[in-house]
Amino acid sequence: MITLSDKLQILKESYSMNDEALSAYCREKGLFKHQLQEWEKDFLKVHKPEDSTAKKALEEERSKSKALAKELRRKEKALAETATLLVLQKKFQALLEGEEV
């Protein structure tokens, strides 16, 4: 049985070979070209560090975005409350000024 490290070594050795040399290499090792292609696909699917890095970065950006949206909602509520209080204060002052006259 061929181990994962053996498969990787075979893929490394055969990577730059042309069709003729690859066929001879496969005969020597007792393999088929389609096996090498399958192994390469498997390695590319499983061993993609950029993919996991991109997922982590995307998750970080999503969490930052959620935090910023939450902070924005909080600040908008505080601003609306402050504006309401300011309007009420002005109305109250206007009522007091009206009573003095």
N, C-alpha and C. Protein backbone atom coordinates (compact mmCIF):
# COMPACT_ATOMS: atom_id res chain seq x y z
N MET A 1 0.85 -1.19 0.00
CA MET A 1 0.00 0.00 0.00
C MET A 1 0.89 1.25 0.00
N ILE A 2 0.48 2.21 -0.78
CA ILE A 2 1.26 3.44 -0.92
C ILE A 2 0.78 4.44 0.13
N THR A 3 1.72 4.96 0.89
CA THR A 3 1.38 5.92 1.94
C THR A 3 1.22 7.31 1.33
N LEU A 4 0.70 8.21 2.14
CA LEU A 4 0.49 9.59 1.71
C LEU A 4 1.82 10.26 1.35
N SER A 5 2.83 10.01 2.15
CA SER A 5 4.15 10.62 1.85
C SER A 5 4.75 10.03 0.58
N ASP A 6 4.50 8.73 0.32
CA ASP A 6 4.96 8.12 -0.93
C ASP A 6 4.28 8.77 -2.13
N LYS A 7 2.98 8.98 -2.00
CA LYS A 7 2.23 9.62 -3.09
C LYS A 7 2.79 11.01 -3.37
N LEU A 8 3.05 11.74 -2.31
CA LEU A 8 3.59 13.09 -2.47
C LEU A 8 4.95 13.05 -3.15
N GLN A 9 5.79 12.11 -2.73
CA GLN A 9 7.12 11.98 -3.34
C GLN A 9 7.01 11.64 -4.82
N ILE A 10 6.11 10.72 -5.16
CA ILE A 10 5.92 10.34 -6.56
C ILE A 10 5.42 11.53 -7.37
N LEU A 11 4.50 12.29 -6.80
CA LEU A 11 4.00 13.48 -7.51
C LEU A 11 5.11 14.51 -7.72
N LYS A 12 5.96 14.68 -6.72
CA LYS A 12 7.09 15.61 -6.86
C LYS A 12 8.02 15.16 -7.97
N GLU A 13 8.34 13.88 -7.97
CA GLU A 13 9.28 13.35 -8.97
C GLU A 13 8.71 13.44 -10.38
N SER A 14 7.42 13.24 -10.51
CA SER A 14 6.83 13.18 -11.85
C SER A 14 6.27 14.51 -12.33
N TYR A 15 6.35 15.53 -11.53
CA TYR A 15 5.70 16.80 -11.86
C TYR A 15 6.18 17.42 -13.16
N SER A 16 7.46 17.46 -13.38
CA SER A 16 8.00 18.16 -14.55
C SER A 16 8.25 17.25 -15.75
N MET A 17 7.81 16.02 -15.68
CA MET A 17 8.06 15.06 -16.78
C MET A 17 7.09 15.28 -17.93
N ASN A 18 7.60 15.02 -19.15
CA ASN A 18 6.72 15.06 -20.31
C ASN A 18 5.96 13.72 -20.38
N ASP A 19 5.06 13.59 -21.35
CA ASP A 19 4.20 12.40 -21.43
C ASP A 19 5.00 11.10 -21.56
N GLU A 20 6.01 11.13 -22.39
CA GLU A 20 6.80 9.92 -22.63
C GLU A 20 7.55 9.49 -21.37
N ALA A 21 8.20 10.43 -20.73
CA ALA A 21 8.94 10.12 -19.51
C ALA A 21 7.99 9.71 -18.38
N LEU A 22 6.83 10.35 -18.34
CA LEU A 22 5.85 10.01 -17.32
C LEU A 22 5.32 8.59 -17.50
N SER A 23 5.08 8.21 -18.74
CA SER A 23 4.62 6.85 -19.00
C SER A 23 5.67 5.83 -18.57
N ALA A 24 6.93 6.10 -18.90
CA ALA A 24 8.00 5.19 -18.49
C ALA A 24 8.11 5.13 -16.97
N TYR A 25 7.99 6.27 -16.33
CA TYR A 25 8.07 6.34 -14.87
C TYR A 25 6.93 5.54 -14.23
N CYS A 26 5.73 5.70 -14.77
CA CYS A 26 4.57 4.97 -14.23
C CYS A 26 4.75 3.45 -14.41
N ARG A 27 5.27 3.02 -15.57
CA ARG A 27 5.52 1.59 -15.77
C ARG A 27 6.53 1.07 -14.78
N GLU A 28 7.56 1.87 -14.54
CA GLU A 28 8.61 1.48 -13.60
C GLU A 28 8.06 1.32 -12.18
N LYS A 29 7.16 2.21 -11.80
CA LYS A 29 6.59 2.20 -10.45
C LYS A 29 5.34 1.32 -10.34
N GLY A 30 4.83 0.85 -11.47
CA GLY A 30 3.62 0.03 -11.46
C GLY A 30 2.37 0.85 -11.22
N LEU A 31 2.35 2.04 -11.77
CA LEU A 31 1.22 2.95 -11.59
C LEU A 31 0.61 3.32 -12.93
N PHE A 32 -0.53 4.00 -12.87
CA PHE A 32 -1.17 4.54 -14.06
C PHE A 32 -1.20 6.06 -13.95
N LYS A 33 -1.20 6.73 -15.12
CA LYS A 33 -1.20 8.19 -15.11
C LYS A 33 -2.45 8.75 -14.44
N HIS A 34 -3.57 8.07 -14.62
CA HIS A 34 -4.80 8.58 -14.02
C HIS A 34 -4.74 8.53 -12.49
N GLN A 35 -3.95 7.61 -11.93
CA GLN A 35 -3.78 7.58 -10.48
C GLN A 35 -3.05 8.83 -10.00
N LEU A 36 -2.02 9.20 -10.74
CA LEU A 36 -1.28 10.41 -10.38
C LEU A 36 -2.19 11.64 -10.45
N GLN A 37 -3.04 11.69 -11.46
CA GLN A 37 -3.96 12.82 -11.60
C GLN A 37 -4.95 12.86 -10.43
N GLU A 38 -5.45 11.69 -10.02
CA GLU A 38 -6.36 11.63 -8.88
C GLU A 38 -5.66 12.07 -7.60
N TRP A 39 -4.43 11.60 -7.41
CA TRP A 39 -3.68 11.98 -6.21
C TRP A 39 -3.48 13.48 -6.16
N GLU A 40 -3.15 14.06 -7.31
CA GLU A 40 -2.93 15.50 -7.37
C GLU A 40 -4.21 16.26 -7.00
N LYS A 41 -5.34 15.81 -7.55
CA LYS A 41 -6.62 16.44 -7.22
C LYS A 41 -6.90 16.33 -5.73
N ASP A 42 -6.64 15.15 -5.16
CA ASP A 42 -6.86 14.95 -3.72
C ASP A 42 -6.00 15.88 -2.89
N PHE A 43 -4.73 16.01 -3.27
CA PHE A 43 -3.84 16.90 -2.53
C PHE A 43 -4.28 18.35 -2.64
N LEU A 44 -4.73 18.73 -3.82
CA LEU A 44 -5.17 20.11 -4.00
C LEU A 44 -6.44 20.42 -3.22
N LYS A 45 -7.32 19.44 -3.10
CA LYS A 45 -8.55 19.64 -2.33
C LYS A 45 -8.27 19.72 -0.84
N VAL A 46 -7.49 18.78 -0.34
CA VAL A 46 -7.29 18.66 1.10
C VAL A 46 -6.25 19.63 1.63
N HIS A 47 -5.21 19.85 0.90
CA HIS A 47 -4.07 20.61 1.40
C HIS A 47 -4.00 22.00 0.78
N LYS A 48 -5.06 22.76 0.95
CA LYS A 48 -5.10 24.13 0.45
C LYS A 48 -5.02 25.08 1.63
N PRO A 49 -3.81 25.51 2.03
CA PRO A 49 -3.72 26.41 3.18
C PRO A 49 -4.34 27.77 2.91
N GLU A 50 -4.34 28.23 1.65
CA GLU A 50 -4.91 29.54 1.34
C GLU A 50 -6.41 29.52 1.59
N ASP A 51 -7.04 28.37 1.31
CA ASP A 51 -8.48 28.26 1.48
C ASP A 51 -8.85 28.42 2.95
N SER A 52 -8.15 27.72 3.84
CA SER A 52 -8.47 27.83 5.26
C SER A 52 -8.09 29.21 5.79
N THR A 53 -7.01 29.76 5.28
CA THR A 53 -6.62 31.11 5.68
C THR A 53 -7.67 32.12 5.22
N ALA A 54 -8.16 31.95 4.02
CA ALA A 54 -9.18 32.85 3.51
C ALA A 54 -10.47 32.73 4.32
N LYS A 55 -10.82 31.51 4.71
CA LYS A 55 -12.02 31.32 5.53
C LYS A 55 -11.87 32.01 6.88
N LYS A 56 -10.69 31.86 7.49
CA LYS A 56 -10.45 32.51 8.78
C LYS A 56 -10.52 34.03 8.65
N ALA A 57 -9.91 34.54 7.59
CA ALA A 57 -9.93 35.99 7.36
C ALA A 57 -11.35 36.48 7.12
N LEU A 58 -12.12 35.69 6.36
CA LEU A 58 -13.51 36.06 6.10
C LEU A 58 -14.33 36.06 7.38
N GLU A 59 -14.13 35.05 8.22
CA GLU A 59 -14.84 35.00 9.50
C GLU A 59 -14.46 36.19 10.40
N GLU A 60 -13.17 36.54 10.41
CA GLU A 60 -12.73 37.69 11.19
C GLU A 60 -13.39 38.97 10.69
N GLU A 61 -13.44 39.13 9.38
CA GLU A 61 -14.05 40.33 8.80
C GLU A 61 -15.55 40.37 9.09
N ARG A 62 -16.20 39.21 9.05
CA ARG A 62 -17.63 39.17 9.37
C ARG A 62 -17.86 39.56 10.82
N SER A 63 -17.03 39.04 11.72
CA SER A 63 -17.22 39.38 13.14
C SER A 63 -16.93 40.87 13.37
N LYS A 64 -15.93 41.41 12.70
CA LYS A 64 -15.66 42.85 12.81
C LYS A 64 -16.84 43.66 12.29
N SER A 65 -17.40 43.20 11.17
CA SER A 65 -18.53 43.88 10.58
C SER A 65 -19.73 43.86 11.52
N LYS A 66 -19.99 42.71 12.13
CA LYS A 66 -21.10 42.61 13.09
C LYS A 66 -20.88 43.53 14.28
N ALA A 67 -19.65 43.55 14.78
CA ALA A 67 -19.34 44.41 15.93
C ALA A 67 -19.52 45.88 15.57
N LEU A 68 -19.06 46.26 14.38
CA LEU A 68 -19.21 47.65 13.95
C LEU A 68 -20.68 48.02 13.74
N ALA A 69 -21.46 47.09 13.19
CA ALA A 69 -22.89 47.35 12.99
C ALA A 69 -23.58 47.50 14.34
N LYS A 70 -23.21 46.68 15.30
CA LYS A 70 -23.81 46.76 16.63
C LYS A 70 -23.46 48.10 17.28
N GLU A 71 -22.19 48.49 17.16
CA GLU A 71 -21.77 49.77 17.73
C GLU A 71 -22.48 50.94 17.04
N LEU A 72 -22.65 50.85 15.73
CA LEU A 72 -23.34 51.89 14.98
C LEU A 72 -24.80 52.02 15.43
N ARG A 73 -25.48 50.87 15.61
CA ARG A 73 -26.87 50.92 16.10
C ARG A 73 -26.94 51.56 17.48
N ARG A 74 -26.00 51.21 18.35
CA ARG A 74 -25.98 51.78 19.69
C ARG A 74 -25.79 53.30 19.63
N LYS A 75 -24.86 53.75 18.80
CA LYS A 75 -24.59 55.18 18.68
C LYS A 75 -25.77 55.92 18.04
N GLU A 76 -26.44 55.29 17.07
CA GLU A 76 -27.60 55.91 16.45
C GLU A 76 -28.72 56.08 17.47
N LYS A 77 -28.93 55.07 18.32
CA LYS A 77 -29.95 55.17 19.37
C LYS A 77 -29.59 56.28 20.34
N ALA A 78 -28.32 56.36 20.74
CA ALA A 78 -27.90 57.41 21.67
C ALA A 78 -28.08 58.79 21.04
N LEU A 79 -27.76 58.92 19.76
CA LEU A 79 -27.93 60.19 19.07
C LEU A 79 -29.40 60.58 18.97
N ALA A 80 -30.25 59.61 18.67
CA ALA A 80 -31.68 59.89 18.60
C ALA A 80 -32.21 60.31 19.96
N GLU A 81 -31.76 59.64 21.01
CA GLU A 81 -32.19 60.00 22.36
C GLU A 81 -31.74 61.41 22.73
N THR A 82 -30.49 61.73 22.38
CA THR A 82 -29.96 63.07 22.67
C THR A 82 -30.73 64.13 21.90
N ALA A 83 -31.05 63.86 20.65
CA ALA A 83 -31.81 64.83 19.85
C ALA A 83 -33.20 65.03 20.44
N THR A 84 -33.82 63.94 20.87
CA THR A 84 -35.15 64.05 21.49
C THR A 84 -35.09 64.88 22.76
N LEU A 85 -34.10 64.63 23.59
CA LEU A 85 -33.94 65.40 24.82
C LEU A 85 -33.69 66.88 24.53
N LEU A 86 -32.90 67.15 23.52
CA LEU A 86 -32.63 68.54 23.14
C LEU A 86 -33.90 69.24 22.68
N VAL A 87 -34.69 68.55 21.87
CA VAL A 87 -35.94 69.13 21.39
C VAL A 87 -36.88 69.38 22.56
N LEU A 88 -37.00 68.42 23.47
CA LEU A 88 -37.86 68.59 24.64
C LEU A 88 -37.37 69.73 25.53
N GLN A 89 -36.06 69.86 25.67
CA GLN A 89 -35.50 70.93 26.48
C GLN A 89 -35.84 72.29 25.87
N LYS A 90 -35.73 72.41 24.55
CA LYS A 90 -36.06 73.67 23.89
C LYS A 90 -37.55 73.99 24.03
N LYS A 91 -38.39 72.96 23.91
CA LYS A 91 -39.83 73.19 24.08
C LYS A 91 -40.14 73.63 25.50
N PHE A 92 -39.49 73.01 26.46
CA PHE A 92 -39.71 73.37 27.86
C PHE A 92 -39.26 74.81 28.11
N GLN A 93 -38.10 75.18 27.58
CA GLN A 93 -37.62 76.56 27.73
C GLN A 93 -38.58 77.55 27.06
N ALA A 94 -39.12 77.15 25.91
CA ALA A 94 -40.07 78.02 25.22
C ALA A 94 -41.33 78.18 26.05
N LEU A 95 -41.78 77.13 26.71
CA LEU A 95 -42.96 77.22 27.56
C LEU A 95 -42.70 78.12 28.75
N LEU A 96 -41.52 77.99 29.37
CA LEU A 96 -41.17 78.83 30.51
C LEU A 96 -41.06 80.29 30.11
N GLU A 97 -40.49 80.56 28.98
CA GLU A 97 -40.38 81.95 28.51
C GLU A 97 -41.75 82.53 28.22
N GLY A 98 -42.64 81.70 27.73
CA GLY A 98 -44.01 82.15 27.44
C GLY A 98 -44.77 82.49 28.70
N GLU A 99 -44.52 81.81 29.81
CA GLU A 99 -45.23 82.07 31.07
C GLU A 99 -44.73 83.33 31.74
N GLU A 100 -43.46 83.67 31.54
CA GLU A 100 -42.89 84.85 32.18
C GLU A 100 -43.49 86.14 31.60
N VAL A 101 -43.89 86.11 30.38
CA VAL A 101 -44.38 87.31 29.70
C VAL A 101 -45.72 87.68 30.13
